[in-house]
């Protein structure tokens, strides 16, 4: 997941909120890390849930589904990652 929102607080008071811009290369690198971390769920002695199958497909499809890297980040941030 890539959260582009960066918030600064002074104690409990929000003093600024900015959004970080990502490139496709950065998104793809982070995506590959996430795919690698959940590879174990797809080994021959595991039975992945449909939620995990869908999540990995969502990650693989990011570059084809979004024209802007930041849009892909925002969609990923809103995706309910399986437990």
PDB file of N, CA and C in Angstrom:
ATOM      1  N   UNK A   1       0.840  -1.159   0.000  1.00  0.00           N
ATOM      2  CA  UNK A   1       0.000   0.000   0.000  1.00  0.00           C
ATOM      3  C   UNK A   1       0.895   1.235   0.000  1.00  0.00           C
ATOM      4  N   UNK A   2       0.485   2.236  -0.760  1.00  0.00           N
ATOM      5  CA  UNK A   2       1.239   3.483  -0.835  1.00  0.00           C
ATOM      6  C   UNK A   2       0.312   4.619  -0.425  1.00  0.00           C
ATOM      7  N   UNK A   3       0.580   5.205   0.716  1.00  0.00           N
ATOM      8  CA  UNK A   3      -0.209   6.334   1.187  1.00  0.00           C
ATOM      9  C   UNK A   3       0.530   7.615   0.820  1.00  0.00           C
ATOM     10  N   UNK A   4      -0.021   8.365  -0.103  1.00  0.00           N
ATOM     11  CA  UNK A   4       0.639   9.591  -0.578  1.00  0.00           C
ATOM     12  C   UNK A   4       0.454  10.772   0.368  1.00  0.00           C
ATOM     13  N   UNK A   5      -0.514  10.671   1.277  1.00  0.00           N
ATOM     14  CA  UNK A   5      -0.827  11.799   2.158  1.00  0.00           C
ATOM     15  C   UNK A   5       0.230  11.935   3.258  1.00  0.00           C
ATOM     16  N   UNK A   6       0.754  13.125   3.397  1.00  0.00           N
ATOM     17  CA  UNK A   6       1.729  13.428   4.445  1.00  0.00           C
ATOM     18  C   UNK A   6       1.146  14.542   5.313  1.00  0.00           C
ATOM     19  N   UNK A   7       0.925  14.225   6.577  1.00  0.00           N
ATOM     20  CA  UNK A   7       0.325  15.199   7.491  1.00  0.00           C
ATOM     21  C   UNK A   7       1.321  15.579   8.577  1.00  0.00           C
ATOM     22  N   UNK A   8       1.310  16.868   8.914  1.00  0.00           N
ATOM     23  CA  UNK A   8       2.162  17.375  10.002  1.00  0.00           C
ATOM     24  C   UNK A   8       1.264  17.921  11.096  1.00  0.00           C
ATOM     25  N   UNK A   9       1.622  17.587  12.320  1.00  0.00           N
ATOM     26  CA  UNK A   9       0.834  18.001  13.477  1.00  0.00           C
ATOM     27  C   UNK A   9       1.692  18.812  14.440  1.00  0.00           C
ATOM     28  N   UNK A  10       1.038  19.714  15.136  1.00  0.00           N
ATOM     29  CA  UNK A  10       1.628  20.427  16.264  1.00  0.00           C
ATOM     30  C   UNK A  10       0.829  19.946  17.460  1.00  0.00           C
ATOM     31  N   UNK A  11       1.344  18.920  18.104  1.00  0.00           N
ATOM     32  CA  UNK A  11       0.558  18.262  19.141  1.00  0.00           C
ATOM     33  C   UNK A  11      -0.575  17.499  18.472  1.00  0.00           C
ATOM     34  N   UNK A  12      -1.810  17.863  18.807  1.00  0.00           N
ATOM     35  CA  UNK A  12      -2.967  17.213  18.186  1.00  0.00           C
ATOM     36  C   UNK A  12      -3.536  18.019  17.029  1.00  0.00           C
ATOM     37  N   UNK A  13      -2.993  19.205  16.790  1.00  0.00           N
ATOM     38  CA  UNK A  13      -3.518  20.092  15.744  1.00  0.00           C
ATOM     39  C   UNK A  13      -2.817  19.819  14.402  1.00  0.00           C
ATOM     40  N   UNK A  14      -3.617  19.567  13.376  1.00  0.00           N
ATOM     41  CA  UNK A  14      -3.096  19.382  12.031  1.00  0.00           C
ATOM     42  C   UNK A  14      -2.653  20.740  11.493  1.00  0.00           C
ATOM     43  N   UNK A  15      -1.374  20.839  11.107  1.00  0.00           N
ATOM     44  CA  UNK A  15      -0.888  22.135  10.621  1.00  0.00           C
ATOM     45  C   UNK A  15      -0.647  22.143   9.114  1.00  0.00           C
ATOM     46  N   UNK A  16      -0.450  20.972   8.500  1.00  0.00           N
ATOM     47  CA  UNK A  16      -0.318  20.940   7.040  1.00  0.00           C
ATOM     48  C   UNK A  16      -0.598  19.537   6.525  1.00  0.00           C
ATOM     49  N   UNK A  17      -1.034  19.508   5.279  1.00  0.00           N
ATOM     50  CA  UNK A  17      -1.297  18.234   4.618  1.00  0.00           C
ATOM     51  C   UNK A  17      -0.857  18.367   3.169  1.00  0.00           C
ATOM     52  N   UNK A  18       0.035  17.484   2.756  1.00  0.00           N
ATOM     53  CA  UNK A  18       0.519  17.489   1.379  1.00  0.00           C
ATOM     54  C   UNK A  18       0.430  16.071   0.820  1.00  0.00           C
ATOM     55  N   UNK A  19       0.533  15.985  -0.494  1.00  0.00           N
ATOM     56  CA  UNK A  19       0.507  14.690  -1.151  1.00  0.00           C
ATOM     57  C   UNK A  19       1.815  14.489  -1.895  1.00  0.00           C
ATOM     58  N   UNK A  20       2.415  13.329  -1.688  1.00  0.00           N
ATOM     59  CA  UNK A  20       3.676  12.986  -2.328  1.00  0.00           C
ATOM     60  C   UNK A  20       3.376  12.428  -3.715  1.00  0.00           C
ATOM     61  N   UNK A  21       4.118  12.852  -4.705  1.00  0.00           N
ATOM     62  CA  UNK A  21       3.968  12.329  -6.060  1.00  0.00           C
ATOM     63  C   UNK A  21       4.911  11.148  -6.254  1.00  0.00           C
ATOM     64  N   UNK A  22       4.391  10.085  -6.862  1.00  0.00           N
ATOM     65  CA  UNK A  22       5.178   8.895  -7.161  1.00  0.00           C
ATOM     66  C   UNK A  22       5.282   8.711  -8.662  1.00  0.00           C
ATOM     67  N   UNK A  23       6.366   8.099  -9.090  1.00  0.00           N
ATOM     68  CA  UNK A  23       6.542   7.735 -10.496  1.00  0.00           C
ATOM     69  C   UNK A  23       6.109   6.275 -10.659  1.00  0.00           C
ATOM     70  N   UNK A  24       5.895   5.872 -11.913  1.00  0.00           N
ATOM     71  CA  UNK A  24       5.551   4.476 -12.163  1.00  0.00           C
ATOM     72  C   UNK A  24       6.667   3.549 -11.716  1.00  0.00           C
ATOM     73  N   UNK A  25       7.909   3.963 -11.885  1.00  0.00           N
ATOM     74  CA  UNK A  25       9.025   3.107 -11.457  1.00  0.00           C
ATOM     75  C   UNK A  25       8.966   2.853  -9.949  1.00  0.00           C
ATOM     76  N   UNK A  26       8.650   3.875  -9.178  1.00  0.00           N
ATOM     77  CA  UNK A  26       8.541   3.712  -7.729  1.00  0.00           C
ATOM     78  C   UNK A  26       7.371   2.799  -7.364  1.00  0.00           C
ATOM     79  N   UNK A  27       6.235   3.012  -8.013  1.00  0.00           N
ATOM     80  CA  UNK A  27       5.055   2.187  -7.736  1.00  0.00           C
ATOM     81  C   UNK A  27       5.353   0.728  -8.060  1.00  0.00           C
ATOM     82  N   UNK A  28       5.964   0.488  -9.196  1.00  0.00           N
ATOM     83  CA  UNK A  28       6.263  -0.888  -9.602  1.00  0.00           C
ATOM     84  C   UNK A  28       7.259  -1.552  -8.646  1.00  0.00           C
ATOM     85  N   UNK A  29       8.225  -0.798  -8.166  1.00  0.00           N
ATOM     86  CA  UNK A  29       9.193  -1.355  -7.222  1.00  0.00           C
ATOM     87  C   UNK A  29       8.508  -1.764  -5.916  1.00  0.00           C
ATOM     88  N   UNK A  30       7.665  -0.905  -5.375  1.00  0.00           N
ATOM     89  CA  UNK A  30       6.946  -1.209  -4.135  1.00  0.00           C
ATOM     90  C   UNK A  30       5.971  -2.361  -4.358  1.00  0.00           C
ATOM     91  N   UNK A  31       5.313  -2.357  -5.513  1.00  0.00           N
ATOM     92  CA  UNK A  31       4.382  -3.440  -5.851  1.00  0.00           C
ATOM     93  C   UNK A  31       5.113  -4.784  -5.876  1.00  0.00           C
ATOM     94  N   UNK A  32       6.292  -4.824  -6.491  1.00  0.00           N
ATOM     95  CA  UNK A  32       7.060  -6.072  -6.550  1.00  0.00           C
ATOM     96  C   UNK A  32       7.423  -6.567  -5.155  1.00  0.00           C
ATOM     97  N   UNK A  33       7.750  -5.642  -4.257  1.00  0.00           N
ATOM     98  CA  UNK A  33       8.058  -6.020  -2.875  1.00  0.00           C
ATOM     99  C   UNK A  33       6.840  -6.665  -2.220  1.00  0.00           C
ATOM    100  N   UNK A  34       5.664  -6.087  -2.427  1.00  0.00           N
ATOM    101  CA  UNK A  34       4.443  -6.631  -1.832  1.00  0.00           C
ATOM    102  C   UNK A  34       4.096  -7.988  -2.434  1.00  0.00           C
ATOM    103  N   UNK A  35       4.264  -8.145  -3.723  1.00  0.00           N
ATOM    104  CA  UNK A  35       4.004  -9.438  -4.355  1.00  0.00           C
ATOM    105  C   UNK A  35       4.962 -10.503  -3.816  1.00  0.00           C
ATOM    106  N   UNK A  36       6.225 -10.147  -3.672  1.00  0.00           N
ATOM    107  CA  UNK A  36       7.218 -11.085  -3.155  1.00  0.00           C
ATOM    108  C   UNK A  36       6.897 -11.500  -1.720  1.00  0.00           C
ATOM    109  N   UNK A  37       6.464 -10.542  -0.897  1.00  0.00           N
ATOM    110  CA  UNK A  37       6.155 -10.839   0.508  1.00  0.00           C
ATOM    111  C   UNK A  37       4.977 -11.801   0.657  1.00  0.00           C
ATOM    112  N   UNK A  38       4.089 -11.841  -0.311  1.00  0.00           N
ATOM    113  CA  UNK A  38       2.933 -12.744  -0.174  1.00  0.00           C
ATOM    114  C   UNK A  38       3.040 -13.959  -1.089  1.00  0.00           C
ATOM    115  N   UNK A  39       4.194 -14.175  -1.719  1.00  0.00           N
ATOM    116  CA  UNK A  39       4.391 -15.356  -2.564  1.00  0.00           C
ATOM    117  C   UNK A  39       4.150 -16.656  -1.805  1.00  0.00           C
ATOM    118  N   UNK A  40       4.507 -16.689  -0.526  1.00  0.00           N
ATOM    119  CA  UNK A  40       4.387 -17.918   0.252  1.00  0.00           C
ATOM    120  C   UNK A  40       2.947 -18.426   0.297  1.00  0.00           C
ATOM    121  N   UNK A  41       1.981 -17.531   0.162  1.00  0.00           N
ATOM    122  CA  UNK A  41       0.567 -17.938   0.195  1.00  0.00           C
ATOM    123  C   UNK A  41       0.188 -18.770  -1.034  1.00  0.00           C
ATOM    124  N   UNK A  42       1.033 -18.767  -2.046  1.00  0.00           N
ATOM    125  CA  UNK A  42       0.728 -19.440  -3.298  1.00  0.00           C
ATOM    126  C   UNK A  42       1.644 -20.629  -3.560  1.00  0.00           C
ATOM    127  N   UNK A  43       2.327 -21.090  -2.532  1.00  0.00           N
ATOM    128  CA  UNK A  43       3.165 -22.279  -2.678  1.00  0.00           C
ATOM    129  C   UNK A  43       2.261 -23.511  -2.747  1.00  0.00           C
ATOM    130  N   UNK A  44       2.816 -24.614  -3.210  1.00  0.00           N
ATOM    131  CA  UNK A  44       2.013 -25.808  -3.466  1.00  0.00           C
ATOM    132  C   UNK A  44       1.313 -26.363  -2.222  1.00  0.00           C
ATOM    133  N   UNK A  45       1.844 -26.108  -1.027  1.00  0.00           N
ATOM    134  CA  UNK A  45       1.201 -26.634   0.179  1.00  0.00           C
ATOM    135  C   UNK A  45       0.215 -25.645   0.808  1.00  0.00           C
ATOM    136  N   UNK A  46      -0.075 -24.554   0.117  1.00  0.00           N
ATOM    137  CA  UNK A  46      -1.009 -23.534   0.605  1.00  0.00           C
ATOM    138  C   UNK A  46      -2.231 -23.474  -0.311  1.00  0.00           C
ATOM    139  N   UNK A  47      -3.331 -23.025   0.245  1.00  0.00           N
ATOM    140  CA  UNK A  47      -4.534 -22.780  -0.543  1.00  0.00           C
ATOM    141  C   UNK A  47      -4.927 -21.328  -0.309  1.00  0.00           C
ATOM    142  N   UNK A  48      -4.564 -20.441  -1.231  1.00  0.00           N
ATOM    143  CA  UNK A  48      -4.868 -19.020  -1.023  1.00  0.00           C
ATOM    144  C   UNK A  48      -6.374 -18.753  -1.130  1.00  0.00           C
ATOM    145  N   UNK A  49      -6.817 -17.789  -0.369  1.00  0.00           N
ATOM    146  CA  UNK A  49      -8.223 -17.386  -0.437  1.00  0.00           C
ATOM    147  C   UNK A  49      -8.467 -16.602  -1.725  1.00  0.00           C
ATOM    148  N   UNK A  50      -9.711 -16.501  -2.097  1.00  0.00           N
ATOM    149  CA  UNK A  50     -10.065 -15.725  -3.285  1.00  0.00           C
ATOM    150  C   UNK A  50      -9.674 -14.259  -3.103  1.00  0.00           C
ATOM    151  N   UNK A  51      -9.736 -13.766  -1.869  1.00  0.00           N
ATOM    152  CA  UNK A  51      -9.349 -12.383  -1.598  1.00  0.00           C
ATOM    153  C   UNK A  51      -7.880 -12.145  -1.939  1.00  0.00           C
ATOM    154  N   UNK A  52      -7.019 -13.135  -1.596  1.00  0.00           N
ATOM    155  CA  UNK A  52      -5.602 -13.000  -1.920  1.00  0.00           C
ATOM    156  C   UNK A  52      -5.361 -13.105  -3.424  1.00  0.00           C
ATOM    157  N   UNK A  53      -6.086 -13.990  -4.071  1.00  0.00           N
ATOM    158  CA  UNK A  53      -5.967 -14.124  -5.524  1.00  0.00           C
ATOM    159  C   UNK A  53      -6.357 -12.809  -6.195  1.00  0.00           C
ATOM    160  N   UNK A  54      -7.458 -12.215  -5.740  1.00  0.00           N
ATOM    161  CA  UNK A  54      -7.931 -10.944  -6.306  1.00  0.00           C
ATOM    162  C   UNK A  54      -6.962  -9.800  -6.025  1.00  0.00           C
ATOM    163  N   UNK A  55      -6.412  -9.772  -4.813  1.00  0.00           N
ATOM    164  CA  UNK A  55      -5.471  -8.711  -4.443  1.00  0.00           C
ATOM    165  C   UNK A  55      -4.222  -8.761  -5.313  1.00  0.00           C
ATOM    166  N   UNK A  56      -3.673  -9.943  -5.503  1.00  0.00           N
ATOM    167  CA  UNK A  56      -2.473 -10.060  -6.340  1.00  0.00           C
ATOM    168  C   UNK A  56      -2.779  -9.692  -7.788  1.00  0.00           C
ATOM    169  N   UNK A  57      -3.958 -10.044  -8.261  1.00  0.00           N
ATOM    170  CA  UNK A  57      -4.337  -9.655  -9.624  1.00  0.00           C
ATOM    171  C   UNK A  57      -4.469  -8.138  -9.719  1.00  0.00           C
ATOM    172  N   UNK A  58      -5.044  -7.529  -8.693  1.00  0.00           N
ATOM    173  CA  UNK A  58      -5.155  -6.066  -8.641  1.00  0.00           C
ATOM    174  C   UNK A  58      -3.764  -5.430  -8.744  1.00  0.00           C
ATOM    175  N   UNK A  59      -2.800  -5.948  -7.989  1.00  0.00           N
ATOM    176  CA  UNK A  59      -1.440  -5.400  -8.029  1.00  0.00           C
ATOM    177  C   UNK A  59      -0.804  -5.576  -9.404  1.00  0.00           C
ATOM    178  N   UNK A  60      -0.971  -6.752  -9.990  1.00  0.00           N
ATOM    179  CA  UNK A  60      -0.386  -6.988 -11.306  1.00  0.00           C
ATOM    180  C   UNK A  60      -1.014  -6.092 -12.374  1.00  0.00           C
ATOM    181  N   UNK A  61      -2.287  -5.760 -12.202  1.00  0.00           N
ATOM    182  CA  UNK A  61      -3.005  -4.962 -13.199  1.00  0.00           C
ATOM    183  C   UNK A  61      -2.860  -3.447 -13.020  1.00  0.00           C
ATOM    184  N   UNK A  62      -2.217  -2.999 -11.974  1.00  0.00           N
ATOM    185  CA  UNK A  62      -2.122  -1.552 -11.717  1.00  0.00           C
ATOM    186  C   UNK A  62      -1.692  -0.738 -12.930  1.00  0.00           C
ATOM    187  N   UNK A  63      -0.598  -1.086 -13.611  1.00  0.00           N
ATOM    188  CA  UNK A  63      -0.159  -0.252 -14.738  1.00  0.00           C
ATOM    189  C   UNK A  63      -1.151  -0.220 -15.904  1.00  0.00           C
ATOM    190  N   UNK A  64      -1.927  -1.282 -16.063  1.00  0.00           N
ATOM    191  CA  UNK A  64      -2.892  -1.313 -17.157  1.00  0.00           C
ATOM    192  C   UNK A  64      -4.201  -0.613 -16.799  1.00  0.00           C
ATOM    193  N   UNK A  65      -4.503  -0.519 -15.520  1.00  0.00           N
ATOM    194  CA  UNK A  65      -5.780   0.037 -15.073  1.00  0.00           C
ATOM    195  C   UNK A  65      -5.754   1.546 -14.838  1.00  0.00           C
ATOM    196  N   UNK A  66      -4.572   2.111 -14.672  1.00  0.00           N
ATOM    197  CA  UNK A  66      -4.451   3.534 -14.345  1.00  0.00           C
ATOM    198  C   UNK A  66      -3.431   4.204 -15.257  1.00  0.00           C
ATOM    199  N   UNK A  67      -3.742   5.418 -15.687  1.00  0.00           N
ATOM    200  CA  UNK A  67      -2.812   6.142 -16.543  1.00  0.00           C
ATOM    201  C   UNK A  67      -1.764   6.894 -15.735  1.00  0.00           C
ATOM    202  N   UNK A  68      -2.122   7.310 -14.539  1.00  0.00           N
ATOM    203  CA  UNK A  68      -1.212   8.064 -13.678  1.00  0.00           C
ATOM    204  C   UNK A  68      -0.775   7.217 -12.486  1.00  0.00           C
ATOM    205  N   UNK A  69       0.486   7.291 -12.140  1.00  0.00           N
ATOM    206  CA  UNK A  69       1.012   6.540 -11.004  1.00  0.00           C
ATOM    207  C   UNK A  69       0.323   6.947  -9.707  1.00  0.00           C
ATOM    208  N   UNK A  70       0.051   8.231  -9.543  1.00  0.00           N
ATOM    209  CA  UNK A  70      -0.593   8.690  -8.318  1.00  0.00           C
ATOM    210  C   UNK A  70      -2.013   8.143  -8.186  1.00  0.00           C
ATOM    211  N   UNK A  71      -2.719   7.998  -9.287  1.00  0.00           N
ATOM    212  CA  UNK A  71      -4.055   7.393  -9.255  1.00  0.00           C
ATOM    213  C   UNK A  71      -3.958   5.942  -8.795  1.00  0.00           C
ATOM    214  N   UNK A  72      -2.954   5.236  -9.272  1.00  0.00           N
ATOM    215  CA  UNK A  72      -2.750   3.849  -8.862  1.00  0.00           C
ATOM    216  C   UNK A  72      -2.449   3.767  -7.367  1.00  0.00           C
ATOM    217  N   UNK A  73      -1.631   4.684  -6.873  1.00  0.00           N
ATOM    218  CA  UNK A  73      -1.320   4.719  -5.438  1.00  0.00           C
ATOM    219  C   UNK A  73      -2.580   4.927  -4.617  1.00  0.00           C
ATOM    220  N   UNK A  74      -3.400   5.872  -5.038  1.00  0.00           N
ATOM    221  CA  UNK A  74      -4.623   6.174  -4.297  1.00  0.00           C
ATOM    222  C   UNK A  74      -5.579   4.989  -4.300  1.00  0.00           C
ATOM    223  N   UNK A  75      -5.714   4.316  -5.433  1.00  0.00           N
ATOM    224  CA  UNK A  75      -6.586   3.140  -5.513  1.00  0.00           C
ATOM    225  C   UNK A  75      -6.049   2.017  -4.625  1.00  0.00           C
ATOM    226  N   UNK A  76      -4.747   1.830  -4.642  1.00  0.00           N
ATOM    227  CA  UNK A  76      -4.121   0.803  -3.814  1.00  0.00           C
ATOM    228  C   UNK A  76      -4.345   1.110  -2.343  1.00  0.00           C
ATOM    229  N   UNK A  77      -4.221   2.367  -1.973  1.00  0.00           N
ATOM    230  CA  UNK A  77      -4.407   2.773  -0.583  1.00  0.00           C
ATOM    231  C   UNK A  77      -5.830   2.481  -0.109  1.00  0.00           C
ATOM    232  N   UNK A  78      -6.796   2.520  -1.006  1.00  0.00           N
ATOM    233  CA  UNK A  78      -8.199   2.272  -0.651  1.00  0.00           C
ATOM    234  C   UNK A  78      -8.569   0.790  -0.739  1.00  0.00           C
ATOM    235  N   UNK A  79      -7.704  -0.050  -1.295  1.00  0.00           N
ATOM    236  CA  UNK A  79      -8.001  -1.464  -1.468  1.00  0.00           C
ATOM    237  C   UNK A  79      -7.943  -2.162  -0.104  1.00  0.00           C
ATOM    238  N   UNK A  80      -8.919  -2.988   0.161  1.00  0.00           N
ATOM    239  CA  UNK A  80      -8.952  -3.753   1.419  1.00  0.00           C
ATOM    240  C   UNK A  80      -7.993  -4.945   1.290  1.00  0.00           C
ATOM    241  N   UNK A  81      -6.829  -4.829   1.887  1.00  0.00           N
ATOM    242  CA  UNK A  81      -5.831  -5.889   1.797  1.00  0.00           C
ATOM    243  C   UNK A  81      -6.275  -7.066   2.670  1.00  0.00           C
ATOM    244  N   UNK A  82      -6.245  -8.274   2.108  1.00  0.00           N
ATOM    245  CA  UNK A  82      -6.694  -9.453   2.867  1.00  0.00           C
ATOM    246  C   UNK A  82      -5.858  -9.697   4.116  1.00  0.00           C
ATOM    247  N   UNK A  83      -6.462 -10.364   5.061  1.00  0.00           N
ATOM    248  CA  UNK A  83      -5.774 -10.720   6.325  1.00  0.00           C
ATOM    249  C   UNK A  83      -5.200 -12.102   6.242  1.00  0.00           C
TER     250      UNK A  83
END
